[in-house]
C-alpha atoms as a PDB file:
ATOM      1  CA  MET A   1     -12.654  -0.202  16.717  1.00  0.00           C
ATOM      2  CA  ALA A   2     -13.500   2.984  14.015  1.00  0.00           C
ATOM      3  CA  ASP A   3     -10.725   3.691  11.585  1.00  0.00           C
ATOM      4  CA  LYS A   4      -8.832   7.008  12.989  1.00  0.00           C
ATOM      5  CA  ARG A   5      -7.843   7.860   9.317  1.00  0.00           C
ATOM      6  CA  GLY A   6     -11.575   8.105   7.650  1.00  0.00           C
ATOM      7  CA  LEU A   7     -12.211   7.138   4.046  1.00  0.00           C
ATOM      8  CA  ARG A   8      -8.657   8.034   2.596  1.00  0.00           C
ATOM      9  CA  ARG A   9      -7.521   4.226   2.828  1.00  0.00           C
ATOM     10  CA  ILE A  10      -7.144   2.428  -0.558  1.00  0.00           C
ATOM     11  CA  ARG A  11      -7.705  -1.175  -0.277  1.00  0.00           C
ATOM     12  CA  ARG A  12      -5.511  -2.077  -3.579  1.00  0.00           C
ATOM     13  CA  ARG A  13      -2.738  -5.216  -3.888  1.00  0.00           C
ATOM     14  CA  LEU A  14       0.007  -3.246  -6.051  1.00  0.00           C
ATOM     15  CA  SER A  15       3.652  -4.556  -6.955  1.00  0.00           C
ATOM     16  CA  LEU A  16       6.168  -3.482  -5.195  1.00  0.00           C
ATOM     17  CA  ARG A  17      10.356  -3.861  -4.112  1.00  0.00           C
ATOM     18  CA  PHE A  18      11.494  -2.497  -1.149  1.00  0.00           C
ATOM     19  CA  GLY A  19      14.961  -2.215   1.076  1.00  0.00           C
ATOM     20  CA  THR A  20      17.107  -0.186   2.439  1.00  0.00           C
ATOM     21  CA  ASP A  21      19.389   0.523   0.390  1.00  0.00           C
ATOM     22  CA  ALA A  22      17.735  -0.496  -2.686  1.00  0.00           C
ATOM     23  CA  PRO A  23      14.649  -1.711  -3.060  1.00  0.00           C
ATOM     24  CA  VAL A  24      15.379  -5.548  -3.968  1.00  0.00           C
ATOM     25  CA  ARG A  25      12.666  -7.277  -2.215  1.00  0.00           C
ATOM     26  CA  MET A  26       9.837  -8.081  -3.457  1.00  0.00           C
ATOM     27  CA  ALA A  27       5.895  -7.669  -1.995  1.00  0.00           C
ATOM     28  CA  PHE A  28       2.703  -6.342  -2.476  1.00  0.00           C
ATOM     29  CA  THR A  29       0.678  -3.835  -0.619  1.00  0.00           C
ATOM     30  CA  GLU A  30      -3.100  -4.493   1.448  1.00  0.00           C
ATOM     31  CA  ASP A  31      -3.570  -0.457   1.551  1.00  0.00           C
ATOM     32  CA  VAL A  32      -2.269   2.606   0.275  1.00  0.00           C
ATOM     33  CA  THR A  33      -2.971   6.589   1.387  1.00  0.00           C
ATOM     34  CA  ASP A  34      -1.563   9.686   0.546  1.00  0.00           C
ATOM     35  CA  ARG A  35       0.331   9.618   3.691  1.00  0.00           C
ATOM     36  CA  GLY A  36       1.194   5.559   3.969  1.00  0.00           C
ATOM     37  CA  MET A  37       1.094   2.103   3.155  1.00  0.00           C
ATOM     38  CA  PHE A  38       0.922  -1.352   4.436  1.00  0.00           C
ATOM     39  CA  ILE A  39       3.585  -3.718   2.523  1.00  0.00           C
ATOM     40  CA  LYS A  40       2.396  -7.499   3.221  1.00  0.00           C
ATOM     41  CA  THR A  41       5.612  -9.426   3.561  1.00  0.00           C
ATOM     42  CA  THR A  42       7.830 -11.866   6.101  1.00  0.00           C
ATOM     43  CA  ASN A  43      10.859  -9.887   5.524  1.00  0.00           C
ATOM     44  CA  LEU A  44      10.574  -7.006   8.307  1.00  0.00           C
ATOM     45  CA  TYR A  45      12.347  -4.022   9.040  1.00  0.00           C
ATOM     46  CA  ALA A  46      12.218  -2.558  12.890  1.00  0.00           C
ATOM     47  CA  PRO A  47      10.011   0.309  13.619  1.00  0.00           C
ATOM     48  CA  GLY A  48      12.374   3.892  12.768  1.00  0.00           C
ATOM     49  CA  THR A  49      13.917   2.278   9.920  1.00  0.00           C
ATOM     50  CA  ARG A  50      14.439   4.368   6.339  1.00  0.00           C
ATOM     51  CA  ILE A  51      13.291   2.403   3.046  1.00  0.00           C
ATOM     52  CA  ALA A  52      13.646   3.022  -0.533  1.00  0.00           C
ATOM     53  CA  ILE A  53      10.269   1.585  -2.471  1.00  0.00           C
ATOM     54  CA  GLU A  54       9.630   1.181  -6.153  1.00  0.00           C
ATOM     55  CA  LEU A  55       6.008   1.076  -6.233  1.00  0.00           C
ATOM     56  CA  ILE A  56       4.099  -0.375  -9.712  1.00  0.00           C
ATOM     57  CA  MET A  57       1.209   1.227 -10.491  1.00  0.00           C
ATOM     58  CA  PRO A  58      -1.638  -0.619 -12.228  1.00  0.00           C
ATOM     59  CA  ASP A  59      -0.127   0.870 -15.984  1.00  0.00           C
ATOM     60  CA  GLU A  60       3.367  -0.431 -15.079  1.00  0.00           C
ATOM     61  CA  THR A  61       4.303   3.147 -14.031  1.00  0.00           C
ATOM     62  CA  ARG A  62       7.202   3.374 -11.057  1.00  0.00           C
ATOM     63  CA  VAL A  63       6.934   5.487  -8.473  1.00  0.00           C
ATOM     64  CA  ARG A  64      10.061   5.929  -6.293  1.00  0.00           C
ATOM     65  CA  ILE A  65       9.264   6.423  -2.607  1.00  0.00           C
ATOM     66  CA  THR A  66      11.037   6.873   0.650  1.00  0.00           C
ATOM     67  CA  GLY A  67       9.643   5.588   3.353  1.00  0.00           C
ATOM     68  CA  SER A  68       9.833   4.688   7.415  1.00  0.00           C
ATOM     69  CA  ILE A  69       8.142   1.821   9.039  1.00  0.00           C
ATOM     70  CA  ARG A  70       6.076   2.662  11.713  1.00  0.00           C
ATOM     71  CA  TRP A  71       5.217  -0.759  13.167  1.00  0.00           C
ATOM     72  CA  THR A  72       5.483  -4.370  12.141  1.00  0.00           C
ATOM     73  CA  LYS A  73       3.327  -7.244  12.865  1.00  0.00           C
ATOM     74  CA  LYS A  74       5.591 -10.796  12.384  1.00  0.00           C
ATOM     75  CA  VAL A  75       3.910 -14.245  11.485  1.00  0.00           C
ATOM     76  CA  PRO A  76       5.399 -17.050  10.698  1.00  0.00           C
ATOM     77  CA  PRO A  77       5.709 -17.032   6.552  1.00  0.00           C
ATOM     78  CA  ASN A  78       3.362 -20.131   6.052  1.00  0.00           C
ATOM     79  CA  MET A  79       0.643 -17.924   7.904  1.00  0.00           C
ATOM     80  CA  ILE A  80       1.211 -15.045   5.917  1.00  0.00           C
ATOM     81  CA  HIS A  81      -2.106 -15.593   4.008  1.00  0.00           C
ATOM     82  CA  LEU A  82      -4.373 -16.593   6.819  1.00  0.00           C
ATOM     83  CA  VAL A  83      -3.181 -13.404   9.086  1.00  0.00           C
ATOM     84  CA  ARG A  84      -4.598  -9.986   8.558  1.00  0.00           C
ATOM     85  CA  LYS A  85      -1.794  -7.483   8.166  1.00  0.00           C
ATOM     86  CA  ALA A  86       1.246  -9.347   8.680  1.00  0.00           C
ATOM     87  CA  GLY A  87       4.055  -7.207   7.697  1.00  0.00           C
ATOM     88  CA  MET A  88       4.998  -3.412   7.850  1.00  0.00           C
ATOM     89  CA  GLY A  89       2.819   0.018   8.029  1.00  0.00           C
ATOM     90  CA  ILE A  90       5.000   2.097   6.377  1.00  0.00           C
ATOM     91  CA  LYS A  91       4.954   6.151   6.714  1.00  0.00           C
ATOM     92  CA  ILE A  92       5.871   8.230   3.030  1.00  0.00           C
ATOM     93  CA  LEU A  93       8.653  10.287   3.602  1.00  0.00           C
ATOM     94  CA  GLN A  94       9.028  11.613  -0.202  1.00  0.00           C
ATOM     95  CA  ILE A  95       8.154  10.944  -3.696  1.00  0.00           C
ATOM     96  CA  GLU A  96      11.456  10.688  -5.378  1.00  0.00           C
ATOM     97  CA  SER A  97       9.548  10.270  -8.984  1.00  0.00           C
ATOM     98  CA  GLY A  98       6.235   9.312 -10.100  1.00  0.00           C
ATOM     99  CA  GLU A  99       4.198  11.351  -7.773  1.00  0.00           C
ATOM    100  CA  GLU A 100       1.345  12.812  -9.792  1.00  0.00           C
ATOM    101  CA  HIS A 101       1.243   8.927 -11.127  1.00  0.00           C
ATOM    102  CA  PHE A 102       0.531   8.277  -7.658  1.00  0.00           C
ATOM    103  CA  ARG A 103      -1.476  11.167  -6.752  1.00  0.00           C
ATOM    104  CA  ARG A 104      -3.742  10.709  -9.704  1.00  0.00           C
ATOM    105  CA  PHE A 105      -4.490   6.718  -8.551  1.00  0.00           C
ATOM    106  CA  LEU A 106      -5.521   7.749  -5.402  1.00  0.00           C
ATOM    107  CA  GLN A 107      -7.800  10.156  -6.499  1.00  0.00           C
ATOM    108  CA  ASP A 108      -9.078   7.472  -9.311  1.00  0.00           C
ATOM    109  CA  ALA A 109      -9.486   5.144  -6.485  1.00  0.00           C
ATOM    110  CA  GLN A 110     -11.213   6.819  -4.150  1.00  0.00           C
ATOM    111  CA  SER A 111     -13.533   8.395  -6.990  1.00  0.00           C
ATOM    112  CA  ALA A 112     -14.364   4.837  -7.566  1.00  0.00           C
ATOM    113  CA  LYS A 113     -14.537   3.592  -4.157  1.00  0.00           C
ATOM    114  CA  ASN A 114     -17.562   6.510  -3.858  1.00  0.00           C
ATOM    115  CA  GLN A 115     -19.755   5.755  -7.048  1.00  0.00           C
ATOM    116  CA  PRO A 116     -23.126   4.159  -6.067  1.00  0.00           C
ATOM    117  CA  GLN A 117     -23.566   0.583  -7.259  1.00  0.00           C
ATOM    118  CA  GLU A 118     -25.650   0.760 -10.317  1.00  0.00           C
ATOM    119  CA  GLU A 119     -29.073  -1.184  -9.406  1.00  0.00           C
ATOM    120  CA  ILE A 120     -29.731  -4.193 -11.259  1.00  0.00           C
ATOM    121  CA  ALA A 121     -33.770  -4.313 -11.869  1.00  0.00           C
ATOM    122  CA  PRO A 122     -34.803  -7.868 -11.831  1.00  0.00           C
ATOM    123  CA  PRO A 123     -35.980  -9.571 -14.288  1.00  0.00           C
ATOM    124  CA  GLY A 124     -39.413  -9.729 -15.851  1.00  0.00           C
END
């Protein structure tokens, strides 16, 4: 089945913290877009729940986001590394701080994704 969101999805593992009142639980992203992200975790909240997210960018800049849980997939903790998409799909409602860093990260990652791979000539 084709991805309905096109090429905007960036597969990147970024560290983050999340929680309902404050971002206290640690997790990682599996993919990120300008509209949302997938958080790989066994600590799930119900769809519709608003959460606070502190996303840690590759340069250690912290981006504070308010999101809403759209869907979840629960798996046993010992299976999280074996199952694809174990965690929560998040819709970004608001970027509280660090929006410029977040947008630049997405733009740079998308540009790198679209760069043609350099061909290596065979020896000889």
